Amino acid sequence: MASAPIAPYNSSPLGNSSSPNASRESLKMEPLADVAMLPGEERVIDKDIIYICPFNAAVKGKVFITNYRLYFKNTDSETPVTLDVPLGVISRIEKMGGASSRGENSYGLEITCKDMRNLRFALKQEGHSRRDIFEILFKYAFPLSHGMQLFAFLSQEKYEENGWNVYEAMEEYRRQGLPSSEWRVTFINKNYELCDTYPTILVVPYKATEEDLRRVATFRSRCRIPVLSWFHKENHAVIMRCSQPLVGMSGKRNKDDERYLDLIREANGTTKLTIYDARPNVNAVANKATGGGYEGDDAYQNAELVFLDIHNIHVMRESLKKLKDIVYPNVEESHWLSSLESTHWLEHIKLVLSGAIQVADKVSSGSSVVVHCSDGWDRTAQLTSLAMLMLDSFYRTLRGFQVLLEKEWISFGHKFASRIGHGDKNHADQDRSPIFLQFIDCVWQMTKQNVRVKTASLWSFVNSDTSLYINPFYTSESSRVLYPVASMRHLELWVTYYIRWNPRIQHQQQSPVEQRYKELLALRDQYLKKLEELQLSDSTHLTNSSTPNAATPNQHITHLQTPF
């Protein structure tokens, strides 16, 4: 997940870390008083270096490495050039050139980042000048590969709220109206014995016994049985999530699994249960060769199977690579549309959004659905969470969105460590994929179209200053389903994320309308505060005054009210 910015912290300057002065002197570290360190952050090494800026000429300066970040500041011009790169966003570090390389600035380091950037630094060629910084940066950027802890476990930041308590499973299910006469809570997985990638608290059909659940688990990939994600209070339709059935090439059947899906269908009295398989049909068929598969019509006669054609993690990884190639460092404007189309990124976004819309629409119309892909922790999480975001206005609040992520992504076992590779040097790992980024992109598309209507938790940081994250255009509409438009004509590239490092883009970070709206909200807050002060003043004045004709508080307030 995104690393926290440094601005909000009132902590010691980078030149005054907790490391002893003698240690800093031995490394010849210079103070850098204009950058605040995070609590628990320590300086490791400084180095004179040249930053090969893709937008300007080569820039001389100094790089500072801590156990949390790489920070560069120029020293050769009046115009400030800085880089502040959390080590967690570094994907790959390579040596550039060799001792015999010719050409200016041909010897140094090249750093590939997960946030669409590539950084290049040049050093002097004599005396193996890059060896120390390469080894230190490699060690601290990939701590897990060197038997070290991630910075999250070293951070000493304190918050008023413990973000780990944002999501409580029972509290969230009660909010949805559960348990009920059709659905019950089970603790069969309290020791992770049924499924080691599922949460301990699950909601299942009331008529399903614990033994039924165990038998169904034997027929679902990684024992990820169909369990409830969301319950529609009015029509009692549900969103269920799971993994693929273990049909295999021989077309195996499991009567317990078939009966279990019938119990899901019967819970709200629908004639057909819709199963949304996120995969393309051809992929689902191919999965039979490895023991997987899908729910065939012959075995699941009361179910309708719909394939959503969303591709796997490997296709998504390659698509993002292609997107990065066309947006960093430069955007080729003459062939922009054809280049963007060739990445297929927006096409993938469209398919994910379109699938989630189908899920939400089916549930809104009163029919229960089951959603799965192969293992049920990538495309499934995208679809269920987006559909729930469309159906339930609670998840569109800041607190509700935190609950949604904790519930559908973290508690149900999305492989964040494998997909993002935080702290791991193996940049070529085939498990890496931008699945969560795609989900956030889909959320951004929705907000873009609907602007009118042992560690410290990330939520601790977010909730410490919610004004930075609240959408000024948000309106609470509890009974309205929010449908985005999953059409290529309405989808946009998220420019302020994918191309945010381009100087031409940086001044466009916030739209003029949004900026003006925030200014008006701030002005309203000022008026309300002044109003409270006047009310308090009038109240005091009336208490101390004996004048019979003194004006009432309402008389004083009336002319101050301003419509917003």
Protein backbone atom coordinates (compact mmCIF):
# COMPACT_ATOMS: atom_id res chain seq x y z
CA MET A 1 0.00 0.00 0.00
CA ALA A 2 1.03 3.59 -0.44
CA SER A 3 3.62 4.82 2.02
CA ALA A 4 2.78 7.72 4.26
CA PRO A 5 3.93 11.22 3.22
CA ILE A 6 6.38 12.99 5.49
CA ALA A 7 4.79 16.40 5.78
CA PRO A 8 2.33 15.77 8.64
CA TYR A 9 4.94 14.52 11.08
CA ASN A 10 6.30 16.82 13.78
CA SER A 11 9.39 14.75 14.44
CA SER A 12 13.12 15.20 14.58
CA PRO A 13 14.95 16.48 11.48
CA LEU A 14 16.84 14.02 9.32
CA GLY A 15 20.13 15.37 10.62
CA ASN A 16 19.11 14.59 14.23
CA SER A 17 18.26 10.88 14.12
CA SER A 18 18.46 8.61 17.11
CA SER A 19 21.81 7.25 15.89
CA PRO A 20 24.86 8.40 17.91
CA ASN A 21 26.76 11.39 16.60
CA ALA A 22 29.95 9.36 16.43
CA SER A 23 28.30 6.91 14.06
CA ARG A 24 27.10 9.73 11.83
CA GLU A 25 30.55 11.30 11.77
CA SER A 26 32.16 8.00 10.84
CA LEU A 27 29.85 7.83 7.83
CA LYS A 28 30.44 11.51 7.09
CA MET A 29 26.75 12.29 7.21
CA GLU A 30 25.70 15.86 6.74
CA PRO A 31 22.67 17.36 8.53
CA LEU A 32 19.55 17.85 6.43
CA ALA A 33 17.37 20.00 8.62
CA ASP A 34 14.60 20.66 6.07
CA VAL A 35 13.34 17.05 6.01
CA ALA A 36 11.52 15.48 8.95
CA MET A 37 12.26 11.90 9.89
CA LEU A 38 9.58 9.47 10.92
CA PRO A 39 9.80 8.13 14.47
CA GLY A 40 12.00 5.05 14.22
CA GLU A 41 13.69 6.19 11.02
CA GLU A 42 17.51 6.22 11.07
CA ARG A 43 20.17 7.53 8.73
CA VAL A 44 22.37 4.89 7.12
CA ILE A 45 24.59 6.57 4.50
CA ASP A 46 25.05 9.79 2.49
CA LYS A 47 26.68 9.98 -0.93
CA ASP A 48 27.59 12.64 -3.49
CA ILE A 49 25.84 11.62 -6.67
CA ILE A 50 24.40 12.80 -9.99
CA TYR A 51 20.70 12.31 -10.66
CA ILE A 52 19.97 11.72 -14.35
CA CYS A 53 16.68 13.59 -14.41
CA PRO A 54 14.54 12.52 -17.41
CA PHE A 55 12.85 15.91 -17.57
CA ASN A 56 15.93 18.13 -17.17
CA ALA A 57 19.70 17.86 -17.44
CA ALA A 58 21.87 15.82 -15.09
CA VAL A 59 21.69 17.23 -11.56
CA LYS A 60 24.50 17.12 -9.02
CA GLY A 61 23.54 16.57 -5.43
CA LYS A 62 23.59 14.29 -2.43
CA VAL A 63 21.56 11.15 -1.76
CA PHE A 64 20.61 10.20 1.78
CA ILE A 65 19.62 6.61 2.57
CA THR A 66 17.66 5.75 5.72
CA ASN A 67 15.97 2.56 6.81
CA TYR A 68 12.77 4.00 5.32
CA ARG A 69 13.60 6.16 2.30
CA LEU A 70 15.95 7.37 -0.38
CA TYR A 71 16.15 11.16 -0.38
CA PHE A 72 18.00 13.22 -3.01
CA LYS A 73 18.62 16.95 -2.94
CA ASN A 74 20.49 18.94 -5.58
CA THR A 75 23.47 21.14 -4.72
CA ASP A 76 24.37 22.75 -8.05
CA SER A 77 21.48 25.11 -8.84
CA GLU A 78 19.11 27.58 -7.25
CA THR A 79 16.07 25.65 -8.47
CA PRO A 80 15.41 22.87 -5.95
CA VAL A 81 15.36 19.32 -7.27
CA THR A 82 14.39 16.70 -4.72
CA LEU A 83 13.38 13.04 -4.66
CA ASP A 84 11.70 11.41 -1.69
CA VAL A 85 11.30 7.70 -2.40
CA PRO A 86 10.03 5.28 0.28
CA LEU A 87 12.15 2.14 -0.05
CA GLY A 88 9.00 0.06 -0.19
CA VAL A 89 8.21 1.30 -3.70
CA ILE A 90 11.55 0.07 -5.08
CA SER A 91 11.14 -3.06 -7.18
CA ARG A 92 14.61 -3.49 -8.68
CA ILE A 93 18.14 -2.09 -8.29
CA GLU A 94 20.73 -2.65 -11.01
CA LYS A 95 24.25 -1.50 -11.70
CA MET A 96 24.54 0.71 -14.76
CA GLY A 97 27.73 0.47 -16.82
CA GLY A 98 31.12 -0.82 -15.67
CA ALA A 99 34.62 0.37 -14.83
CA SER A 100 35.49 0.59 -18.53
CA SER A 101 32.27 2.29 -19.63
CA ARG A 102 32.72 5.38 -21.72
CA GLY A 103 30.54 8.41 -22.00
CA GLU A 104 29.42 10.98 -19.49
CA ASN A 105 27.36 9.66 -16.57
CA SER A 106 27.43 6.07 -17.90
CA TYR A 107 28.44 4.49 -14.57
CA GLY A 108 26.02 4.25 -11.69
CA LEU A 109 22.71 2.75 -10.56
CA GLU A 110 19.31 2.28 -12.14
CA ILE A 111 16.29 1.88 -9.84
CA THR A 112 12.93 0.56 -11.02
CA CYS A 113 9.98 1.64 -8.86
CA LYS A 114 6.48 0.26 -8.40
CA ASP A 115 4.96 3.75 -8.74
CA MET A 116 5.66 4.11 -12.50
CA ARG A 117 9.13 5.70 -12.07
CA ASN A 118 12.63 4.67 -13.12
CA LEU A 119 15.48 6.53 -11.38
CA ARG A 120 19.05 6.72 -12.67
CA PHE A 121 22.06 7.92 -10.68
CA ALA A 122 25.64 8.37 -11.90
CA LEU A 123 28.86 8.21 -9.84
CA LYS A 124 32.57 8.58 -10.47
CA GLN A 125 34.08 5.50 -12.08
CA GLU A 126 37.23 5.23 -10.02
CA GLY A 127 37.60 3.24 -6.81
CA HIS A 128 34.38 1.20 -6.98
CA SER A 129 32.51 4.29 -5.85
CA ARG A 130 29.06 2.71 -6.17
CA ARG A 131 29.78 -0.50 -4.24
CA ASP A 132 28.86 0.80 -0.77
CA ILE A 133 25.67 2.59 -1.78
CA PHE A 134 24.54 -0.33 -3.97
CA GLU A 135 25.00 -2.87 -1.19
CA ILE A 136 23.36 -0.69 1.47
CA LEU A 137 20.43 0.34 -0.72
CA PHE A 138 19.89 -3.27 -1.83
CA LYS A 139 19.87 -4.40 1.78
CA TYR A 140 17.45 -1.80 3.10
CA ALA A 141 15.14 -1.78 0.06
CA PHE A 142 14.68 -5.56 0.34
CA PRO A 143 14.91 -6.25 4.08
CA LEU A 144 12.98 -9.53 3.94
CA SER A 145 15.59 -10.95 1.57
CA HIS A 146 18.29 -10.13 4.13
CA GLY A 147 16.66 -11.42 7.29
CA MET A 148 15.61 -7.94 8.39
CA GLN A 149 12.27 -6.42 9.37
CA LEU A 150 10.10 -4.14 7.27
CA PHE A 151 10.09 -0.53 8.44
CA ALA A 152 6.46 -0.95 9.54
CA PHE A 153 7.74 -3.04 12.46
CA LEU A 154 10.42 -0.47 13.32
CA SER A 155 8.20 2.60 13.16
CA GLN A 156 7.56 4.27 16.51
CA GLU A 157 4.73 6.49 15.30
CA LYS A 158 1.87 6.82 17.80
CA TYR A 159 -1.76 7.61 17.01
CA GLU A 160 -4.80 8.39 19.13
CA GLU A 161 -6.79 5.63 17.43
CA ASN A 162 -5.73 2.01 16.93
CA GLY A 163 -6.55 1.39 13.29
CA TRP A 164 -6.49 -2.38 13.75
CA ASN A 165 -9.86 -2.00 15.47
CA VAL A 166 -11.55 -0.35 12.49
CA TYR A 167 -13.03 -3.66 11.33
CA GLU A 168 -14.87 -6.02 13.63
CA ALA A 169 -16.49 -8.89 11.71
CA MET A 170 -19.49 -9.41 14.01
CA GLU A 171 -20.20 -5.69 14.15
CA GLU A 172 -20.18 -5.47 10.35
CA TYR A 173 -22.44 -8.51 9.90
CA ARG A 174 -24.89 -7.07 12.46
CA ARG A 175 -24.91 -3.81 10.51
CA GLN A 176 -25.97 -5.81 7.45
CA GLY A 177 -28.81 -7.46 9.42
CA LEU A 178 -27.17 -10.79 10.20
CA PRO A 179 -27.58 -13.41 11.51
CA SER A 180 -31.15 -14.07 10.34
CA SER A 181 -33.58 -16.92 9.87
CA GLU A 182 -31.82 -17.79 6.60
CA TRP A 183 -28.19 -17.16 7.55
CA ARG A 184 -26.08 -18.10 10.55
CA VAL A 185 -22.64 -17.26 11.89
CA THR A 186 -20.20 -20.16 12.20
CA PHE A 187 -16.91 -20.36 14.08
CA ILE A 188 -15.86 -23.60 12.38
CA ASN A 189 -12.74 -21.80 11.11
CA LYS A 190 -11.72 -20.32 14.49
CA ASN A 191 -8.37 -22.14 14.34
CA TYR A 192 -8.10 -21.87 10.53
CA GLU A 193 -8.66 -25.62 10.30
CA LEU A 194 -11.32 -25.48 7.59
CA CYS A 195 -9.49 -22.94 5.39
CA ASP A 196 -6.20 -21.28 6.27
CA THR A 197 -6.84 -18.27 3.98
CA TYR A 198 -10.35 -17.45 5.25
CA PRO A 199 -11.29 -15.37 8.32
CA THR A 200 -12.30 -17.06 11.57
CA ILE A 201 -15.90 -15.79 11.45
CA LEU A 202 -18.01 -16.90 8.47
CA VAL A 203 -21.68 -16.54 7.50
CA VAL A 204 -23.30 -19.56 5.81
CA PRO A 205 -26.83 -20.85 5.02
CA TYR A 206 -28.79 -21.57 8.20
CA LYS A 207 -29.62 -25.09 7.02
CA ALA A 208 -26.00 -26.04 6.31
CA THR A 209 -24.40 -28.10 9.08
CA GLU A 210 -20.74 -27.98 10.10
CA GLU A 211 -20.24 -31.37 8.48
CA ASP A 212 -21.76 -30.02 5.25
CA LEU A 213 -19.16 -27.25 5.26
CA ARG A 214 -16.30 -29.72 5.72
CA ARG A 215 -17.51 -31.85 2.81
CA VAL A 216 -17.94 -28.82 0.53
CA ALA A 217 -14.41 -27.68 1.42
CA THR A 218 -12.97 -30.88 -0.08
CA PHE A 219 -14.43 -29.91 -3.47
CA ARG A 220 -13.36 -26.25 -3.58
CA SER A 221 -9.86 -25.05 -4.47
CA ARG A 222 -7.83 -24.41 -1.30
CA CYS A 223 -10.99 -25.23 0.71
CA ARG A 224 -12.43 -21.78 -0.01
CA ILE A 225 -16.12 -22.64 0.28
CA PRO A 226 -18.94 -20.28 -0.74
CA VAL A 227 -19.53 -17.87 2.17
CA LEU A 228 -21.54 -14.67 2.48
CA SER A 229 -19.94 -11.31 1.72
CA TRP A 230 -23.01 -9.05 1.66
CA PHE A 231 -26.71 -9.29 2.53
CA HIS A 232 -29.44 -7.11 0.99
CA LYS A 233 -31.69 -6.14 3.91
CA GLU A 234 -34.76 -5.51 1.77
CA ASN A 235 -34.88 -8.36 -0.76
CA HIS A 236 -32.59 -10.78 1.15
CA ALA A 237 -30.41 -11.48 -1.89
CA VAL A 238 -26.75 -12.15 -1.10
CA ILE A 239 -23.27 -11.96 -2.58
CA MET A 240 -21.33 -15.18 -1.93
CA ARG A 241 -17.63 -15.64 -2.68
CA CYS A 242 -15.53 -18.77 -3.10
CA SER A 243 -12.98 -20.53 -5.31
CA GLN A 244 -13.46 -22.82 -8.31
CA PRO A 245 -14.85 -26.35 -7.92
CA LEU A 246 -12.38 -29.22 -8.30
CA VAL A 247 -14.06 -30.77 -11.33
CA GLY A 248 -10.92 -31.85 -13.20
CA MET A 249 -10.66 -33.48 -16.62
CA SER A 250 -12.91 -36.37 -15.60
CA GLY A 251 -15.79 -34.05 -14.71
CA LYS A 252 -16.07 -35.04 -11.06
CA ARG A 253 -19.22 -34.16 -9.11
CA ASN A 254 -19.85 -33.52 -5.45
CA LYS A 255 -23.43 -33.90 -4.20
CA ASP A 256 -22.65 -31.92 -1.04
CA ASP A 257 -21.40 -28.94 -3.07
CA GLU A 258 -24.43 -29.10 -5.38
CA ARG A 259 -26.83 -29.24 -2.42
CA TYR A 260 -24.98 -26.41 -0.67
CA LEU A 261 -25.46 -24.09 -3.65
CA ASP A 262 -29.14 -25.03 -3.65
CA LEU A 263 -29.37 -23.95 -0.01
CA ILE A 264 -27.93 -20.57 -1.02
CA ARG A 265 -30.54 -20.26 -3.78
CA GLU A 266 -33.41 -21.30 -1.51
CA ALA A 267 -32.47 -18.81 1.22
CA ASN A 268 -34.24 -15.98 -0.60
CA GLY A 269 -36.52 -18.06 -2.78
CA THR A 270 -35.06 -17.42 -6.23
CA THR A 271 -35.55 -19.98 -8.98
CA LYS A 272 -32.02 -19.65 -10.37
CA LEU A 273 -28.73 -18.95 -8.61
CA THR A 274 -26.37 -16.90 -10.78
CA ILE A 275 -22.71 -17.94 -10.64
CA TYR A 276 -20.29 -15.30 -11.93
CA ASP A 277 -17.01 -16.88 -12.97
CA ALA A 278 -14.55 -14.00 -13.39
CA ARG A 279 -12.39 -15.92 -15.87
CA PRO A 280 -12.66 -16.15 -19.65
CA ASN A 281 -14.42 -19.37 -20.65
CA VAL A 282 -11.31 -20.80 -22.30
CA ASN A 283 -9.26 -20.28 -19.12
CA ALA A 284 -11.86 -21.99 -16.97
CA VAL A 285 -11.82 -24.98 -19.31
CA ALA A 286 -8.03 -25.04 -19.27
CA ASN A 287 -8.07 -25.11 -15.46
CA LYS A 288 -9.66 -28.54 -15.64
CA ALA A 289 -6.25 -29.88 -16.67
CA THR A 290 -4.84 -28.86 -13.27
CA GLY A 291 -7.80 -30.22 -11.34
CA GLY A 292 -9.97 -27.12 -11.32
CA GLY A 293 -12.92 -26.16 -13.48
CA TYR A 294 -16.39 -24.67 -13.26
CA GLU A 295 -20.00 -25.50 -12.39
CA GLY A 296 -21.46 -27.41 -15.35
CA ASP A 297 -25.17 -27.31 -16.26
CA ASP A 298 -25.60 -31.04 -15.77
CA ALA A 299 -24.50 -30.93 -12.11
CA TYR A 300 -25.85 -27.51 -11.10
CA GLN A 301 -29.25 -27.51 -12.79
CA ASN A 302 -30.67 -24.67 -10.68
CA ALA A 303 -27.78 -22.35 -11.46
CA GLU A 304 -26.89 -20.04 -14.33
CA LEU A 305 -23.16 -19.71 -15.10
CA VAL A 306 -21.83 -16.42 -16.52
CA PHE A 307 -18.18 -15.93 -17.56
CA LEU A 308 -16.92 -12.34 -17.16
CA ASP A 309 -13.78 -12.62 -19.34
CA ILE A 310 -11.39 -10.97 -16.87
CA HIS A 311 -7.83 -12.12 -17.51
CA ASN A 312 -5.37 -13.55 -14.99
CA ILE A 313 -2.62 -11.91 -12.94
CA HIS A 314 0.05 -12.46 -15.62
CA VAL A 315 -1.91 -10.61 -18.31
CA MET A 316 -2.53 -7.71 -15.91
CA ARG A 317 1.15 -7.51 -14.98
CA GLU A 318 2.21 -7.26 -18.63
CA SER A 319 -0.51 -4.71 -19.34
CA LEU A 320 0.78 -2.39 -16.60
CA LYS A 321 4.34 -2.77 -17.91
CA LYS A 322 3.18 -1.62 -21.33
CA LEU A 323 1.34 1.31 -19.77
CA LYS A 324 4.46 2.34 -17.88
CA ASP A 325 6.47 2.28 -21.12
CA ILE A 326 4.19 4.86 -22.74
CA VAL A 327 3.81 7.24 -19.77
CA TYR A 328 7.29 7.37 -18.25
CA PRO A 329 9.41 9.31 -18.66
CA ASN A 330 7.74 10.90 -21.68
CA VAL A 331 4.30 10.71 -23.21
CA GLU A 332 4.34 10.22 -26.98
CA GLU A 333 1.47 12.53 -27.82
CA SER A 334 1.44 11.92 -31.59
CA HIS A 335 0.38 8.27 -31.15
CA TRP A 336 -1.15 8.53 -27.70
CA LEU A 337 -4.54 6.92 -28.34
CA SER A 338 -3.17 3.96 -30.29
CA SER A 339 -0.36 3.48 -27.76
CA LEU A 340 -2.83 3.54 -24.86
CA GLU A 341 -5.11 1.10 -26.65
CA SER A 342 -2.22 -1.30 -27.25
CA THR A 343 -1.66 -1.65 -23.49
CA HIS A 344 -5.25 -2.95 -23.01
CA TRP A 345 -5.22 -1.40 -19.52
CA LEU A 346 -8.52 0.47 -19.86
CA GLU A 347 -10.04 -2.59 -21.50
CA HIS A 348 -9.19 -4.61 -18.38
CA ILE A 349 -10.58 -1.86 -16.15
CA LYS A 350 -13.77 -1.91 -18.21
CA LEU A 351 -14.19 -5.69 -17.83
CA VAL A 352 -13.72 -5.54 -14.05
CA LEU A 353 -16.20 -2.67 -13.71
CA SER A 354 -18.68 -4.31 -16.07
CA GLY A 355 -18.52 -7.56 -14.11
CA ALA A 356 -19.12 -5.75 -10.81
CA ILE A 357 -22.09 -3.90 -12.33
CA GLN A 358 -23.63 -7.23 -13.38
CA VAL A 359 -23.20 -8.59 -9.86
CA ALA A 360 -24.72 -5.47 -8.25
CA ASP A 361 -27.61 -5.35 -10.71
CA LYS A 362 -28.51 -9.01 -10.16
CA VAL A 363 -28.50 -8.62 -6.37
CA SER A 364 -30.43 -5.34 -6.54
CA SER A 365 -33.14 -7.13 -8.56
CA GLY A 366 -33.51 -9.77 -5.83
CA SER A 367 -31.37 -12.68 -7.02
CA SER A 368 -28.50 -14.16 -5.03
CA VAL A 369 -25.11 -14.61 -6.70
CA VAL A 370 -21.92 -16.61 -6.23
CA VAL A 371 -18.65 -15.02 -7.39
CA HIS A 372 -15.37 -16.84 -7.96
CA CYS A 373 -12.28 -16.99 -10.16
CA SER A 374 -9.62 -19.69 -9.70
CA ASP A 375 -8.61 -19.37 -6.05
CA GLY A 376 -11.02 -16.59 -5.11
CA TRP A 377 -8.58 -14.00 -3.78
CA ASP A 378 -7.80 -11.74 -6.78
CA ARG A 379 -10.55 -11.12 -9.35
CA THR A 380 -13.13 -12.29 -6.83
CA ALA A 381 -12.07 -9.61 -4.32
CA GLN A 382 -12.22 -6.98 -7.06
CA LEU A 383 -15.76 -7.95 -8.07
CA THR A 384 -17.32 -8.41 -4.63
CA SER A 385 -15.86 -5.23 -3.16
CA LEU A 386 -16.78 -3.09 -6.17
CA ALA A 387 -20.32 -4.49 -6.25
CA MET A 388 -20.68 -3.84 -2.51
CA LEU A 389 -19.40 -0.29 -3.06
CA MET A 390 -22.15 0.21 -5.64
CA LEU A 391 -24.90 -1.34 -3.52
CA ASP A 392 -24.11 -0.07 -0.03
CA SER A 393 -23.58 3.64 0.67
CA PHE A 394 -21.85 2.82 3.97
CA TYR A 395 -18.83 1.59 2.04
CA ARG A 396 -18.65 4.96 0.29
CA THR A 397 -17.85 6.71 3.57
CA LEU A 398 -14.23 6.93 4.71
CA ARG A 399 -14.82 4.56 7.60
CA GLY A 400 -16.91 2.20 5.50
CA PHE A 401 -14.27 2.04 2.78
CA GLN A 402 -11.72 1.01 5.40
CA VAL A 403 -14.07 -1.74 6.58
CA LEU A 404 -14.57 -2.90 2.98
CA LEU A 405 -10.83 -3.27 2.38
CA GLU A 406 -10.21 -4.98 5.72
CA LYS A 407 -13.09 -7.38 5.10
CA GLU A 408 -13.01 -8.31 1.42
CA TRP A 409 -9.27 -8.01 0.78
CA ILE A 410 -7.33 -8.61 3.98
CA SER A 411 -9.53 -10.99 5.99
CA PHE A 412 -10.33 -13.10 2.92
CA GLY A 413 -6.70 -13.62 2.06
CA HIS A 414 -5.68 -11.44 -0.88
CA LYS A 415 -1.96 -12.13 -1.34
CA PHE A 416 -0.68 -8.59 -0.84
CA ALA A 417 2.86 -9.77 -0.05
CA SER A 418 3.08 -11.90 -3.22
CA ARG A 419 1.32 -9.44 -5.53
CA ILE A 420 3.27 -6.35 -4.42
CA GLY A 421 6.51 -7.99 -3.27
CA HIS A 422 7.15 -5.45 -0.51
CA GLY A 423 10.69 -5.88 0.85
CA ASP A 424 11.49 -8.78 -1.50
CA LYS A 425 14.35 -8.61 -4.04
CA ASN A 426 12.76 -11.12 -6.45
CA HIS A 427 11.39 -8.58 -8.94
CA ALA A 428 10.76 -11.28 -11.56
CA ASP A 429 8.44 -13.26 -9.27
CA GLN A 430 5.51 -14.46 -11.40
CA ASP A 431 3.14 -13.83 -8.49
CA ARG A 432 3.59 -10.06 -8.80
CA SER A 433 0.52 -8.36 -10.25
CA PRO A 434 -1.29 -4.98 -9.91
CA ILE A 435 -4.60 -6.47 -8.75
CA PHE A 436 -5.19 -4.02 -5.90
CA LEU A 437 -4.09 -1.08 -8.06
CA GLN A 438 -6.71 -2.12 -10.62
CA PHE A 439 -9.37 -2.11 -7.91
CA ILE A 440 -8.34 1.38 -6.76
CA ASP A 441 -8.37 2.52 -10.40
CA CYS A 442 -11.94 1.22 -10.71
CA VAL A 443 -12.90 3.14 -7.56
CA TRP A 444 -11.32 6.25 -9.07
CA GLN A 445 -13.35 5.74 -12.25
CA MET A 446 -16.51 5.61 -10.12
CA THR A 447 -15.68 8.80 -8.22
CA LYS A 448 -14.73 10.51 -11.48
CA GLN A 449 -18.14 9.72 -13.02
CA ASN A 450 -20.23 10.39 -9.89
CA VAL A 451 -18.86 13.64 -8.55
CA ARG A 452 -22.37 14.93 -7.89
CA VAL A 453 -24.07 12.37 -6.15
CA LYS A 454 2.40 -4.92 15.79
CA THR A 455 2.53 -2.24 13.47
CA ALA A 456 0.51 0.91 13.20
CA SER A 457 -2.45 0.45 10.90
CA LEU A 458 -2.70 2.57 7.76
CA TRP A 459 -6.14 3.60 9.03
CA SER A 460 -4.52 5.07 12.15
CA PHE A 461 -2.62 7.45 9.86
CA VAL A 462 -5.61 8.17 7.61
CA ASN A 463 -7.99 8.81 10.50
CA SER A 464 -5.52 11.13 12.23
CA ASP A 465 -6.41 13.79 9.63
CA THR A 466 -9.45 12.74 7.63
CA SER A 467 -9.74 16.11 5.87
CA LEU A 468 -6.97 15.02 3.51
CA TYR A 469 -9.00 12.11 2.20
CA ILE A 470 -12.67 13.09 2.29
CA ASN A 471 -14.37 13.66 -1.06
CA PRO A 472 -16.04 17.11 -0.91
CA PHE A 473 -18.68 15.96 -3.40
CA TYR A 474 -19.82 12.96 -1.34
CA THR A 475 -23.55 12.76 -0.59
CA SER A 476 -25.20 10.16 1.62
CA GLU A 477 -27.85 8.20 -0.29
CA SER A 478 -28.47 5.01 1.68
CA SER A 479 -31.07 3.43 -0.61
CA ARG A 480 -29.51 4.21 -3.99
CA VAL A 481 -27.40 1.77 -5.99
CA LEU A 482 -24.43 3.55 -7.55
CA TYR A 483 -23.87 2.31 -11.11
CA PRO A 484 -20.77 3.57 -12.96
CA VAL A 485 -20.64 3.43 -16.76
CA ALA A 486 -18.38 0.60 -17.94
CA SER A 487 -17.94 1.92 -21.46
CA MET A 488 -14.62 2.77 -23.10
CA ARG A 489 -16.07 6.15 -24.07
CA HIS A 490 -16.48 7.07 -20.40
CA LEU A 491 -13.28 5.58 -18.98
CA GLU A 492 -10.21 7.75 -18.59
CA LEU A 493 -6.59 7.07 -17.83
CA TRP A 494 -5.92 8.05 -14.22
CA VAL A 495 -3.38 10.66 -15.27
CA THR A 496 -2.62 12.05 -11.81
CA TYR A 497 -1.47 8.58 -10.76
CA TYR A 498 0.15 7.00 -13.81
CA ILE A 499 1.78 10.17 -15.17
CA ARG A 500 2.13 12.14 -11.93
CA TRP A 501 5.93 12.35 -12.15
CA ASN A 502 5.80 14.35 -15.37
CA PRO A 503 6.31 18.07 -14.47
CA ARG A 504 3.60 19.09 -16.95
CA ILE A 505 1.06 17.03 -15.04
CA GLN A 506 1.98 17.99 -11.48
CA HIS A 507 0.14 21.30 -11.48
CA GLN A 508 -3.07 19.47 -12.49
CA GLN A 509 -3.24 17.32 -9.33
CA GLN A 510 -6.59 18.82 -8.29
CA SER A 511 -9.40 20.06 -10.52
CA PRO A 512 -10.37 23.77 -10.23
CA VAL A 513 -13.94 22.76 -9.34
CA GLU A 514 -12.78 20.53 -6.50
CA GLN A 515 -10.35 23.17 -5.26
CA ARG A 516 -13.08 25.86 -5.28
CA TYR A 517 -15.50 23.55 -3.49
CA LYS A 518 -12.97 22.90 -0.74
CA GLU A 519 -12.40 26.64 -0.39
CA LEU A 520 -16.15 27.16 0.02
CA LEU A 521 -16.33 24.40 2.62
CA ALA A 522 -13.48 26.03 4.53
CA LEU A 523 -15.29 29.38 4.30
CA ARG A 524 -18.48 27.76 5.60
CA ASP A 525 -16.57 26.34 8.56
CA GLN A 526 -15.22 29.82 9.31
CA TYR A 527 -18.75 31.29 9.27
CA LEU A 528 -20.10 28.50 11.48
CA LYS A 529 -17.31 29.07 13.97
CA LYS A 530 -18.02 32.81 13.97
CA LEU A 531 -21.71 32.02 14.43
CA GLU A 532 -20.98 29.90 17.49
CA GLU A 533 -18.85 32.69 18.94
CA LEU A 534 -21.68 35.20 18.39
CA GLN A 535 -24.22 32.85 19.95
CA LEU A 536 -22.01 32.40 22.98
CA SER A 537 -21.45 36.15 23.19
CA ASP A 538 -25.18 36.87 22.93
CA SER A 539 -25.95 34.26 25.57
CA THR A 540 -23.49 35.85 27.96
CA HIS A 541 -24.81 39.32 27.17
CA LEU A 542 -28.44 38.30 27.85
CA THR A 543 -27.48 36.68 31.14
CA ASN A 544 -25.71 39.82 32.38
CA SER A 545 -28.14 42.35 30.94
CA SER A 546 -31.31 43.59 32.65
CA THR A 547 -32.58 45.58 29.68
CA PRO A 548 -36.18 44.48 28.98
CA ASN A 549 -35.92 45.13 25.25
CA ALA A 550 -32.75 43.04 24.74
CA ALA A 551 -32.86 41.14 21.48
CA THR A 552 -33.30 37.36 21.61
CA PRO A 553 -30.56 35.06 20.28
CA ASN A 554 -32.71 34.16 17.26
CA GLN A 555 -33.03 37.81 16.33
CA HIS A 556 -29.28 38.18 16.29
CA ILE A 557 -28.74 34.97 14.33
CA THR A 558 -31.26 35.42 11.53
CA HIS A 559 -29.33 37.90 9.44
CA LEU A 560 -26.12 35.86 9.78
CA GLN A 561 -27.47 32.69 8.17
CA THR A 562 -25.93 32.09 4.76
CA PRO A 563 -27.09 29.33 2.38
CA PHE A 564 -24.38 26.96 1.11
